[in-house]
Amino acid sequence: MNKGRFTVVPEKDITVFLIGVHINKPLQVHKWLPVILAMPAMLKELSNHKSIGCLSFEMFFKYKGVNIIQYWDSNESLLTYSKMPKHLKAWKRFSKQLKGNNAVGFYHETYNVKENNYENIYLNMPNFGLGKAVSPQEVTTRTHSAKQRLQVKQ
């Protein structure tokens, strides 16, 4: 755990990728569980092969689904991964399970964030989110406020 106030100084562009499933019909477990179970293999691959470009991810379970936030070194890395054999195989299986299956919904969103267009603060937190993707630094007088963090130049 990092004791005190920490931030990630925005030194480069990043790509934030949100992906998730929404359970529309909770009682139809046999229809939505296989869709959800397709995710762990891809997340394991991203964790084991940092050279792919996924800096880190966080997974959140909600009442009717799962959300994952991924931090990528670039949009190009994310798009390259989407065409890699292991992902394509999992994606084809995933798509087949979703076809005609209204018991579960799926979404993804991609945000390409330019340097100095993001800021963050972590107080007494383990490395989390962007702070897990890029090493956080202790807050200084230069990075004390959100406004300052958005204007930091290296």
N, C-alpha and C. Protein backbone atom coordinates (compact mmCIF):
# COMPACT_ATOMS: atom_id res chain seq x y z
N MET A 1 0.84 -1.18 0.00
CA MET A 1 0.00 0.00 0.00
C MET A 1 0.89 1.24 0.00
N ASN A 2 0.48 2.23 -0.76
CA ASN A 2 1.17 3.51 -0.78
C ASN A 2 0.52 4.41 0.28
N LYS A 3 1.26 4.74 1.31
CA LYS A 3 0.72 5.60 2.37
C LYS A 3 0.89 7.05 1.98
N GLY A 4 -0.20 7.78 2.03
CA GLY A 4 -0.18 9.18 1.66
C GLY A 4 -0.87 9.40 0.33
N ARG A 5 -0.57 10.55 -0.28
CA ARG A 5 -1.20 10.94 -1.54
C ARG A 5 -0.25 10.67 -2.70
N PHE A 6 -0.78 9.97 -3.70
CA PHE A 6 0.00 9.61 -4.88
C PHE A 6 -0.77 9.98 -6.14
N THR A 7 -0.04 10.17 -7.21
CA THR A 7 -0.63 10.47 -8.51
C THR A 7 0.25 9.87 -9.60
N VAL A 8 -0.33 9.71 -10.76
CA VAL A 8 0.44 9.34 -11.95
C VAL A 8 0.57 10.61 -12.78
N VAL A 9 1.78 11.05 -12.98
CA VAL A 9 2.03 12.24 -13.79
C VAL A 9 1.86 11.85 -15.26
N PRO A 10 0.98 12.54 -15.97
CA PRO A 10 0.71 12.18 -17.37
C PRO A 10 1.88 12.51 -18.29
N GLU A 11 2.69 11.51 -18.55
CA GLU A 11 3.89 11.70 -19.38
C GLU A 11 3.70 11.22 -20.81
N LYS A 12 2.59 10.50 -21.08
CA LYS A 12 2.39 9.98 -22.43
C LYS A 12 0.91 9.74 -22.67
N ASP A 13 0.55 9.58 -23.92
CA ASP A 13 -0.82 9.23 -24.29
C ASP A 13 -1.10 7.81 -23.80
N ILE A 14 -2.35 7.54 -23.48
CA ILE A 14 -2.76 6.18 -23.12
C ILE A 14 -4.09 5.88 -23.82
N THR A 15 -4.41 4.61 -23.88
CA THR A 15 -5.70 4.16 -24.39
C THR A 15 -6.41 3.44 -23.26
N VAL A 16 -7.63 3.87 -22.99
CA VAL A 16 -8.46 3.24 -21.97
C VAL A 16 -9.54 2.45 -22.69
N PHE A 17 -9.64 1.18 -22.33
CA PHE A 17 -10.58 0.28 -22.99
C PHE A 17 -11.52 -0.28 -21.92
N LEU A 18 -12.80 -0.03 -22.08
CA LEU A 18 -13.81 -0.57 -21.17
C LEU A 18 -14.51 -1.71 -21.89
N ILE A 19 -14.71 -2.80 -21.18
CA ILE A 19 -15.38 -3.95 -21.78
C ILE A 19 -16.21 -4.63 -20.69
N GLY A 20 -17.34 -5.15 -21.08
CA GLY A 20 -18.15 -5.80 -20.07
C GLY A 20 -19.35 -6.52 -20.62
N VAL A 21 -20.00 -7.22 -19.72
CA VAL A 21 -21.24 -7.92 -20.04
C VAL A 21 -22.31 -7.52 -19.03
N HIS A 22 -23.52 -7.53 -19.51
CA HIS A 22 -24.68 -7.22 -18.67
C HIS A 22 -25.63 -8.41 -18.74
N ILE A 23 -25.97 -8.93 -17.60
CA ILE A 23 -26.87 -10.08 -17.53
C ILE A 23 -28.31 -9.57 -17.60
N ASN A 24 -28.96 -9.86 -18.70
CA ASN A 24 -30.34 -9.42 -18.91
C ASN A 24 -31.35 -10.37 -18.29
N LYS A 25 -31.01 -11.64 -18.27
CA LYS A 25 -31.94 -12.66 -17.74
C LYS A 25 -31.18 -13.54 -16.74
N PRO A 26 -31.12 -13.09 -15.48
CA PRO A 26 -30.31 -13.78 -14.47
C PRO A 26 -30.63 -15.27 -14.29
N LEU A 27 -31.85 -15.68 -14.49
CA LEU A 27 -32.22 -17.08 -14.29
C LEU A 27 -31.72 -17.99 -15.41
N GLN A 28 -31.30 -17.42 -16.53
CA GLN A 28 -30.80 -18.23 -17.65
C GLN A 28 -29.27 -18.35 -17.58
N VAL A 29 -28.81 -18.88 -16.48
CA VAL A 29 -27.37 -19.00 -16.19
C VAL A 29 -26.65 -19.73 -17.32
N HIS A 30 -27.28 -20.76 -17.86
CA HIS A 30 -26.65 -21.56 -18.92
C HIS A 30 -26.38 -20.74 -20.19
N LYS A 31 -27.05 -19.58 -20.33
CA LYS A 31 -26.84 -18.75 -21.50
C LYS A 31 -25.80 -17.64 -21.27
N TRP A 32 -25.72 -17.10 -20.04
CA TRP A 32 -24.79 -16.00 -19.81
C TRP A 32 -23.47 -16.43 -19.20
N LEU A 33 -23.44 -17.52 -18.44
CA LEU A 33 -22.19 -17.93 -17.81
C LEU A 33 -21.09 -18.27 -18.83
N PRO A 34 -21.38 -19.00 -19.90
CA PRO A 34 -20.32 -19.27 -20.89
C PRO A 34 -19.74 -18.00 -21.50
N VAL A 35 -20.57 -16.97 -21.66
CA VAL A 35 -20.10 -15.70 -22.21
C VAL A 35 -19.10 -15.06 -21.25
N ILE A 36 -19.45 -15.02 -19.99
CA ILE A 36 -18.57 -14.44 -18.97
C ILE A 36 -17.28 -15.25 -18.83
N LEU A 37 -17.37 -16.56 -18.94
CA LEU A 37 -16.19 -17.41 -18.77
C LEU A 37 -15.21 -17.33 -19.94
N ALA A 38 -15.58 -16.65 -21.01
CA ALA A 38 -14.64 -16.45 -22.13
C ALA A 38 -13.59 -15.40 -21.78
N MET A 39 -13.88 -14.53 -20.82
CA MET A 39 -12.99 -13.42 -20.50
C MET A 39 -11.69 -13.82 -19.80
N PRO A 40 -11.71 -14.72 -18.82
CA PRO A 40 -10.48 -15.00 -18.06
C PRO A 40 -9.28 -15.43 -18.89
N ALA A 41 -9.48 -16.20 -19.94
CA ALA A 41 -8.34 -16.64 -20.76
C ALA A 41 -7.64 -15.46 -21.42
N MET A 42 -8.42 -14.50 -21.88
CA MET A 42 -7.83 -13.32 -22.52
C MET A 42 -7.12 -12.45 -21.47
N LEU A 43 -7.71 -12.30 -20.30
CA LEU A 43 -7.08 -11.51 -19.24
C LEU A 43 -5.79 -12.16 -18.75
N LYS A 44 -5.79 -13.48 -18.69
CA LYS A 44 -4.57 -14.19 -18.30
C LYS A 44 -3.45 -13.95 -19.32
N GLU A 45 -3.81 -14.02 -20.60
CA GLU A 45 -2.82 -13.77 -21.64
C GLU A 45 -2.24 -12.36 -21.51
N LEU A 46 -3.10 -11.37 -21.28
CA LEU A 46 -2.63 -9.99 -21.14
C LEU A 46 -1.74 -9.83 -19.92
N SER A 47 -2.06 -10.52 -18.85
CA SER A 47 -1.24 -10.45 -17.63
C SER A 47 0.11 -11.10 -17.82
N ASN A 48 0.14 -12.20 -18.54
CA ASN A 48 1.38 -12.97 -18.71
C ASN A 48 2.30 -12.44 -19.80
N HIS A 49 1.78 -11.60 -20.68
CA HIS A 49 2.57 -11.11 -21.81
C HIS A 49 2.45 -9.59 -21.90
N LYS A 50 3.16 -8.89 -21.04
CA LYS A 50 3.09 -7.42 -20.99
C LYS A 50 3.53 -6.78 -22.30
N SER A 51 4.33 -7.50 -23.09
CA SER A 51 4.80 -6.94 -24.36
C SER A 51 3.63 -6.69 -25.34
N ILE A 52 2.48 -7.28 -25.08
CA ILE A 52 1.31 -7.07 -25.94
C ILE A 52 0.88 -5.60 -25.89
N GLY A 53 1.06 -4.96 -24.73
CA GLY A 53 0.74 -3.54 -24.62
C GLY A 53 -0.32 -3.18 -23.60
N CYS A 54 -0.94 -4.18 -22.99
CA CYS A 54 -1.91 -3.88 -21.93
C CYS A 54 -1.11 -3.61 -20.65
N LEU A 55 -1.20 -2.38 -20.17
CA LEU A 55 -0.41 -1.98 -19.01
C LEU A 55 -0.98 -2.55 -17.72
N SER A 56 -2.30 -2.59 -17.61
CA SER A 56 -2.97 -3.20 -16.46
C SER A 56 -4.47 -3.19 -16.71
N PHE A 57 -5.19 -3.85 -15.82
CA PHE A 57 -6.65 -3.83 -15.89
C PHE A 57 -7.22 -4.01 -14.50
N GLU A 58 -8.44 -3.58 -14.36
CA GLU A 58 -9.22 -3.77 -13.13
C GLU A 58 -10.54 -4.40 -13.53
N MET A 59 -11.00 -5.36 -12.73
CA MET A 59 -12.26 -6.03 -12.99
C MET A 59 -13.24 -5.70 -11.86
N PHE A 60 -14.46 -5.38 -12.24
CA PHE A 60 -15.49 -5.04 -11.28
C PHE A 60 -16.72 -5.91 -11.53
N PHE A 61 -17.24 -6.46 -10.45
CA PHE A 61 -18.45 -7.25 -10.53
C PHE A 61 -19.60 -6.36 -10.05
N LYS A 62 -20.66 -6.34 -10.81
CA LYS A 62 -21.82 -5.56 -10.42
C LYS A 62 -23.02 -6.48 -10.31
N TYR A 63 -24.11 -5.93 -9.88
CA TYR A 63 -25.32 -6.71 -9.66
C TYR A 63 -25.68 -7.60 -10.84
N LYS A 64 -25.58 -7.08 -12.05
CA LYS A 64 -25.97 -7.85 -13.23
C LYS A 64 -24.87 -7.87 -14.28
N GLY A 65 -23.65 -8.15 -13.84
CA GLY A 65 -22.62 -8.25 -14.86
C GLY A 65 -21.21 -8.03 -14.36
N VAL A 66 -20.32 -7.84 -15.33
CA VAL A 66 -18.90 -7.65 -15.08
C VAL A 66 -18.42 -6.51 -15.96
N ASN A 67 -17.61 -5.63 -15.39
CA ASN A 67 -16.97 -4.55 -16.14
C ASN A 67 -15.47 -4.66 -15.96
N ILE A 68 -14.73 -4.42 -17.03
CA ILE A 68 -13.27 -4.44 -16.96
C ILE A 68 -12.76 -3.15 -17.57
N ILE A 69 -11.86 -2.50 -16.86
CA ILE A 69 -11.18 -1.32 -17.37
C ILE A 69 -9.75 -1.73 -17.68
N GLN A 70 -9.33 -1.52 -18.90
CA GLN A 70 -7.95 -1.85 -19.30
C GLN A 70 -7.23 -0.56 -19.69
N TYR A 71 -5.95 -0.51 -19.35
CA TYR A 71 -5.09 0.61 -19.71
C TYR A 71 -4.04 0.08 -20.68
N TRP A 72 -3.98 0.68 -21.88
CA TRP A 72 -3.09 0.24 -22.94
C TRP A 72 -2.06 1.30 -23.26
N ASP A 73 -0.90 0.86 -23.73
CA ASP A 73 0.16 1.81 -24.10
C ASP A 73 -0.19 2.57 -25.37
N SER A 74 -1.08 2.02 -26.20
CA SER A 74 -1.51 2.72 -27.41
C SER A 74 -2.72 2.03 -28.01
N ASN A 75 -3.44 2.77 -28.83
CA ASN A 75 -4.55 2.20 -29.57
C ASN A 75 -4.06 1.14 -30.55
N GLU A 76 -2.88 1.36 -31.12
CA GLU A 76 -2.30 0.40 -32.07
C GLU A 76 -2.09 -0.96 -31.39
N SER A 77 -1.59 -0.95 -30.16
CA SER A 77 -1.39 -2.21 -29.43
C SER A 77 -2.71 -2.93 -29.20
N LEU A 78 -3.72 -2.18 -28.82
CA LEU A 78 -5.05 -2.76 -28.59
C LEU A 78 -5.59 -3.38 -29.87
N LEU A 79 -5.49 -2.66 -30.98
CA LEU A 79 -5.99 -3.18 -32.26
C LEU A 79 -5.18 -4.37 -32.74
N THR A 80 -3.88 -4.36 -32.51
CA THR A 80 -3.03 -5.50 -32.87
C THR A 80 -3.45 -6.73 -32.07
N TYR A 81 -3.67 -6.54 -30.77
CA TYR A 81 -4.10 -7.66 -29.93
C TYR A 81 -5.43 -8.24 -30.41
N SER A 82 -6.31 -7.39 -30.86
CA SER A 82 -7.63 -7.88 -31.30
C SER A 82 -7.53 -8.84 -32.48
N LYS A 83 -6.39 -8.82 -33.19
CA LYS A 83 -6.20 -9.70 -34.34
C LYS A 83 -5.25 -10.87 -34.05
N MET A 84 -4.78 -10.97 -32.80
CA MET A 84 -3.87 -12.07 -32.45
C MET A 84 -4.65 -13.38 -32.36
N PRO A 85 -4.01 -14.51 -32.69
CA PRO A 85 -4.72 -15.80 -32.78
C PRO A 85 -5.51 -16.19 -31.53
N LYS A 86 -4.93 -16.06 -30.36
CA LYS A 86 -5.64 -16.49 -29.14
C LYS A 86 -6.89 -15.63 -28.92
N HIS A 87 -6.76 -14.33 -29.14
CA HIS A 87 -7.91 -13.45 -28.98
C HIS A 87 -8.96 -13.75 -30.04
N LEU A 88 -8.55 -13.91 -31.30
CA LEU A 88 -9.51 -14.18 -32.37
C LEU A 88 -10.30 -15.47 -32.10
N LYS A 89 -9.60 -16.50 -31.62
CA LYS A 89 -10.28 -17.76 -31.31
C LYS A 89 -11.31 -17.55 -30.20
N ALA A 90 -10.90 -16.85 -29.14
CA ALA A 90 -11.82 -16.59 -28.02
C ALA A 90 -12.97 -15.69 -28.49
N TRP A 91 -12.65 -14.69 -29.32
CA TRP A 91 -13.68 -13.77 -29.80
C TRP A 91 -14.71 -14.49 -30.66
N LYS A 92 -14.27 -15.41 -31.52
CA LYS A 92 -15.20 -16.16 -32.36
C LYS A 92 -16.13 -17.02 -31.50
N ARG A 93 -15.55 -17.68 -30.48
CA ARG A 93 -16.37 -18.49 -29.57
C ARG A 93 -17.35 -17.58 -28.81
N PHE A 94 -16.85 -16.45 -28.33
CA PHE A 94 -17.65 -15.47 -27.60
C PHE A 94 -18.80 -14.97 -28.47
N SER A 95 -18.51 -14.61 -29.71
CA SER A 95 -19.53 -14.10 -30.63
C SER A 95 -20.59 -15.15 -30.92
N LYS A 96 -20.15 -16.38 -31.06
CA LYS A 96 -21.09 -17.48 -31.32
C LYS A 96 -22.04 -17.65 -30.13
N GLN A 97 -21.49 -17.51 -28.92
CA GLN A 97 -22.32 -17.65 -27.71
C GLN A 97 -23.31 -16.49 -27.57
N LEU A 98 -22.95 -15.33 -28.11
CA LEU A 98 -23.82 -14.15 -28.03
C LEU A 98 -24.91 -14.14 -29.10
N LYS A 99 -24.65 -14.79 -30.23
CA LYS A 99 -25.59 -14.75 -31.35
C LYS A 99 -26.95 -15.29 -30.93
N GLY A 100 -27.96 -14.47 -31.08
CA GLY A 100 -29.32 -14.87 -30.74
C GLY A 100 -29.55 -15.08 -29.25
N ASN A 101 -28.64 -14.59 -28.44
CA ASN A 101 -28.70 -14.80 -26.99
C ASN A 101 -29.01 -13.47 -26.31
N ASN A 102 -30.27 -13.22 -26.04
CA ASN A 102 -30.62 -11.96 -25.39
C ASN A 102 -30.61 -12.06 -23.86
N ALA A 103 -30.10 -13.17 -23.34
CA ALA A 103 -29.96 -13.31 -21.89
C ALA A 103 -28.78 -12.50 -21.37
N VAL A 104 -27.88 -12.12 -22.29
CA VAL A 104 -26.68 -11.37 -21.89
C VAL A 104 -26.36 -10.33 -22.96
N GLY A 105 -25.89 -9.18 -22.50
CA GLY A 105 -25.47 -8.13 -23.42
C GLY A 105 -23.97 -7.91 -23.28
N PHE A 106 -23.38 -7.28 -24.26
CA PHE A 106 -21.94 -7.05 -24.30
C PHE A 106 -21.68 -5.62 -24.77
N TYR A 107 -20.61 -5.03 -24.27
CA TYR A 107 -20.21 -3.72 -24.77
C TYR A 107 -18.70 -3.56 -24.67
N HIS A 108 -18.18 -2.65 -25.47
CA HIS A 108 -16.83 -2.15 -25.24
C HIS A 108 -16.77 -0.70 -25.72
N GLU A 109 -15.90 0.06 -25.08
CA GLU A 109 -15.68 1.46 -25.41
C GLU A 109 -14.18 1.70 -25.39
N THR A 110 -13.68 2.49 -26.33
CA THR A 110 -12.26 2.81 -26.40
C THR A 110 -12.08 4.31 -26.34
N TYR A 111 -11.16 4.74 -25.49
CA TYR A 111 -10.85 6.17 -25.34
C TYR A 111 -9.35 6.35 -25.51
N ASN A 112 -8.96 7.16 -26.47
CA ASN A 112 -7.56 7.52 -26.65
C ASN A 112 -7.36 8.86 -25.96
N VAL A 113 -6.56 8.83 -24.90
CA VAL A 113 -6.40 9.99 -24.03
C VAL A 113 -5.01 10.59 -24.21
N LYS A 114 -4.98 11.84 -24.59
CA LYS A 114 -3.72 12.53 -24.82
C LYS A 114 -3.05 12.91 -23.50
N GLU A 115 -1.72 12.96 -23.55
CA GLU A 115 -0.93 13.42 -22.41
C GLU A 115 -1.51 14.74 -21.90
N ASN A 116 -1.53 14.88 -20.61
CA ASN A 116 -2.05 16.08 -19.92
C ASN A 116 -3.55 16.26 -20.07
N ASN A 117 -4.26 15.22 -20.49
CA ASN A 117 -5.71 15.25 -20.51
C ASN A 117 -6.30 14.24 -19.54
N TYR A 118 -5.50 13.79 -18.61
CA TYR A 118 -6.00 12.91 -17.55
C TYR A 118 -5.28 13.25 -16.26
N GLU A 119 -5.96 13.01 -15.18
CA GLU A 119 -5.35 13.21 -13.86
C GLU A 119 -5.96 12.20 -12.91
N ASN A 120 -5.34 12.02 -11.78
CA ASN A 120 -5.77 11.01 -10.83
C ASN A 120 -5.19 11.32 -9.46
N ILE A 121 -5.80 10.76 -8.45
CA ILE A 121 -5.28 10.89 -7.09
C ILE A 121 -5.59 9.59 -6.36
N TYR A 122 -4.64 9.15 -5.57
CA TYR A 122 -4.80 7.93 -4.77
C TYR A 122 -4.36 8.26 -3.35
N LEU A 123 -5.21 8.00 -2.38
CA LEU A 123 -4.90 8.29 -0.99
C LEU A 123 -4.93 6.99 -0.19
N ASN A 124 -3.77 6.62 0.32
CA ASN A 124 -3.64 5.38 1.10
C ASN A 124 -4.19 4.18 0.35
N MET A 125 -3.74 4.03 -0.88
CA MET A 125 -4.24 2.97 -1.76
C MET A 125 -3.10 2.08 -2.23
N PRO A 126 -3.38 0.80 -2.46
CA PRO A 126 -2.40 0.00 -3.20
C PRO A 126 -2.42 0.49 -4.65
N ASN A 127 -1.45 0.07 -5.43
CA ASN A 127 -1.47 0.45 -6.84
C ASN A 127 -2.78 -0.03 -7.45
N PHE A 128 -3.48 0.87 -8.12
CA PHE A 128 -4.82 0.61 -8.61
C PHE A 128 -5.05 1.40 -9.89
N GLY A 129 -5.79 0.83 -10.82
CA GLY A 129 -6.15 1.54 -12.04
C GLY A 129 -4.93 2.02 -12.80
N LEU A 130 -4.93 3.27 -13.17
CA LEU A 130 -3.79 3.83 -13.88
C LEU A 130 -2.55 3.79 -13.01
N GLY A 131 -2.73 3.88 -11.69
CA GLY A 131 -1.61 3.79 -10.76
C GLY A 131 -0.97 2.41 -10.71
N LYS A 132 -1.66 1.41 -11.24
CA LYS A 132 -1.08 0.08 -11.39
C LYS A 132 -0.41 -0.06 -12.75
N ALA A 133 -0.92 0.69 -13.72
CA ALA A 133 -0.37 0.63 -15.08
C ALA A 133 0.93 1.41 -15.19
N VAL A 134 0.99 2.54 -14.52
CA VAL A 134 2.15 3.44 -14.55
C VAL A 134 2.50 3.77 -13.11
N SER A 135 3.74 3.66 -12.75
CA SER A 135 4.16 3.86 -11.36
C SER A 135 3.71 5.22 -10.82
N PRO A 136 2.95 5.20 -9.73
CA PRO A 136 2.53 6.46 -9.13
C PRO A 136 3.68 7.14 -8.38
N GLN A 137 3.56 8.44 -8.26
CA GLN A 137 4.56 9.24 -7.56
C GLN A 137 3.86 9.98 -6.42
N GLU A 138 4.62 10.27 -5.37
CA GLU A 138 4.04 11.06 -4.29
C GLU A 138 3.62 12.43 -4.81
N VAL A 139 2.51 12.93 -4.30
CA VAL A 139 2.04 14.24 -4.66
C VAL A 139 3.02 15.28 -4.14
N THR A 140 3.31 16.26 -4.97
CA THR A 140 4.21 17.35 -4.60
C THR A 140 3.44 18.67 -4.67
N THR A 141 4.11 19.75 -4.40
CA THR A 141 3.45 21.06 -4.53
C THR A 141 3.06 21.31 -5.99
N ARG A 142 3.76 20.70 -6.93
CA ARG A 142 3.44 20.83 -8.36
C ARG A 142 2.22 20.02 -8.77
N THR A 143 1.87 18.99 -7.99
CA THR A 143 0.78 18.09 -8.36
C THR A 143 -0.29 18.01 -7.27
N HIS A 144 -0.41 19.06 -6.48
CA HIS A 144 -1.32 19.06 -5.32
C HIS A 144 -2.80 19.04 -5.71
N SER A 145 -3.18 19.79 -6.72
CA SER A 145 -4.60 19.87 -7.10
C SER A 145 -4.84 19.21 -8.46
N ALA A 146 -6.09 18.91 -8.72
CA ALA A 146 -6.45 18.33 -10.02
C ALA A 146 -6.06 19.28 -11.15
N LYS A 147 -6.30 20.56 -10.98
CA LYS A 147 -5.93 21.54 -12.01
C LYS A 147 -4.42 21.50 -12.28
N GLN A 148 -3.63 21.42 -11.22
CA GLN A 148 -2.17 21.35 -11.39
C GLN A 148 -1.78 20.06 -12.10
N ARG A 149 -2.38 18.95 -11.72
CA ARG A 149 -2.02 17.66 -12.33
C ARG A 149 -2.32 17.64 -13.82
N LEU A 150 -3.37 18.35 -14.23
CA LEU A 150 -3.71 18.42 -15.65
C LEU A 150 -2.79 19.33 -16.43
N GLN A 151 -2.00 20.14 -15.74
CA GLN A 151 -1.12 21.10 -16.41
C GLN A 151 0.35 20.77 -16.24
N VAL A 152 0.67 19.65 -15.59
CA VAL A 152 2.07 19.30 -15.34
C VAL A 152 2.80 19.05 -16.64
N LYS A 153 3.96 19.64 -16.77
CA LYS A 153 4.86 19.39 -17.91
C LYS A 153 6.14 18.84 -17.33
N GLN A 154 6.67 17.81 -17.95
CA GLN A 154 7.92 17.21 -17.47
C GLN A 154 9.11 18.03 -17.84
